[in-house]
Amino acid sequence: MALDQSFFQEMEARIPKGKVRTRFAPSPTGYMHVGNLRTALYTWLIARHAGGTFILRIEDTDQGRLVEGATDVIYRTMAECGLTHDEGPDVGGPVGPYIQSERRDLYQPYAHLLVEKGAAYYCFCEKAASEEDAGDFDRADDPCRDLSPEEARQRVEAGEPYVIRQRIPHEGTTTFHDVSFGDITVENKTLDDQVLLKRDGLPTYNFANVVDDHLMGITHVVRGSEYLSSAPKYNLLYEAFGWDIPTYVHCSPVMRDQHNKMSKRHGDPSYEDLKAQGYLTEAILNYVALLGWAPKGERSEQEIFSLSELVEAFDIAGISKSPAIFDIDKLTYFNATYLRAMAPEDFAKAAEPYIREAVKNPAIDVSAVAALLQARCEKLTEIPEKVDFFDQLPDYGVECFTNKKSKTNPEVSQAMLEAAIPALEGIGDWTADAVHDTLIALAEHLGVKNATLMWPVRIAAAGKLVTPGGAVEICHILGKDETLRRLRLGLDKLRA
């Protein structure tokens, strides 16, 4: 098969040189799991830390596993997380197309070039050709390895179906270097002759990756440690082509526990699941960054990082080869920290849909409710059950009025409400300060501790033992008429 050498020269001439170039190359086969997000984040951080270029490439050659809408999930997640790409399907760039299925015509010449170089061969065996991933095909059983170039060419030209397989040396070893795992050497006899080009003309994942990474000028390849076993075969391909080998960064898996990887099958959350569970994007990113990476130097004790701080601090030397265990409680801690650090108006905006899920009454001030929640909230999804009493007084029993610490019981509480109702009725301008001052003065007048008065007022106003905010804040937000209505209902309950 005659190869056009000018094609290869033109492709080489397009490759950008001289700066760090990284790529996130997801397959649109479903949701963005935590490990995927971590790969995207580390890849983006390597590029940004070095002032380099970050590329988004969609790897869709496995047509049977594609999920409709999955590409949109990738774009949306990247945008929400602030992981902007410099080149990609939607923004273009000098080495497009950036969708593998649109690069189909590029792979065949390179596969045939490898055959010409003796680093690959045409395989016509029916059994071998059907096992396109070569996982259980013994190359010793493949007579096609030993076909003469002329015989192989004639069979190709005669239209026989074939796959192109990598020709792995029988003898010797192959060594590759990884940032986290160091030098790893494998015996060539343990490697299989993987398929590079399938019978339908599409490349396998492993071949397309190598060709695309070279033609896009990728300098650093970040991927999961499950691909460590494929790395020697990648190296042999780079060497056969005479190409520079990129820096490999293999990340150990994110685990659910000591023994099990996270997986959607077992109900482990994706990025979108975590968002739906009330976690902030910033907290998710911060936590995911620390799943397998640790800052060094003066930042070694730091836990909370903005995205810009991560860019400044990120060093691939800090990536660990030990598996990282996903701890939802730790993520919740991060989330609470982020929620409390938000500007009050930003928190109110984020909390509003969750407050309105439970509080339909338009008279209730969302920002005032949000102000009660900010210091007492770990996840946004906790909000509805914390504030539902503002909308409707729940049913509660008189035992709620008993509190040992506040020195209250039903009899004491009845006396407190009998005094509080007329005192609150006398307030003209219903402000938080007015409610506060009135109740404090009343407690002093009655000769009781503030808590002895505030407990029954809060229970009657909220109907709950635990509330965000105390009696004063709750009464102020409810308004004068609703507060007095609820206190009278509480007093009736106690008298009954």
Foldseek 3Di string as FASTA:
>chain_A
DDADVVVVVVLLVLADDDFAEFELEEELQDAFALQSVLLLLLRLLVQLLRVHFYEYAYEHLVVVRHDPPSVVNVVVLCVQLVSDGPDACVNHDSLDDRYQVVCLVVQVSLLVVLVVLLFKFKAQDPVCLVPQFQPPPQVVPGPRNVDDPVVRVVCVVVPRQTFMWGDFDCADWFWDQALAPGIDIDTSNVDGRHTQAHRVSGGDPLNSVLVSCQSHVHQEYEEAPVCVVVVRVSVSSCVSVVHDDHHYYHAYAAPQDPPGGDDVVVVHDRPVRVVVFFARSQLSSLVSNPQFFAFDDPCRPPRRDGSVRCSNGDDSNRGHRDGGYDDVVVSLVSRLVVLLPDDLVVNLVVLVVLCCVQAVDPLFDSSLQSVLCSNPDSGSNVPNVQRNLLRPADDAAQQQQDDVVQPGHLVLLLVLLVQLLVLLVPDDDLDLVSSVVSLVVSCVVVVGDSSSNFSSLQCLLRVDNDHRDTNSSSDSRSDSVSSSVSSVVSSVNSVD
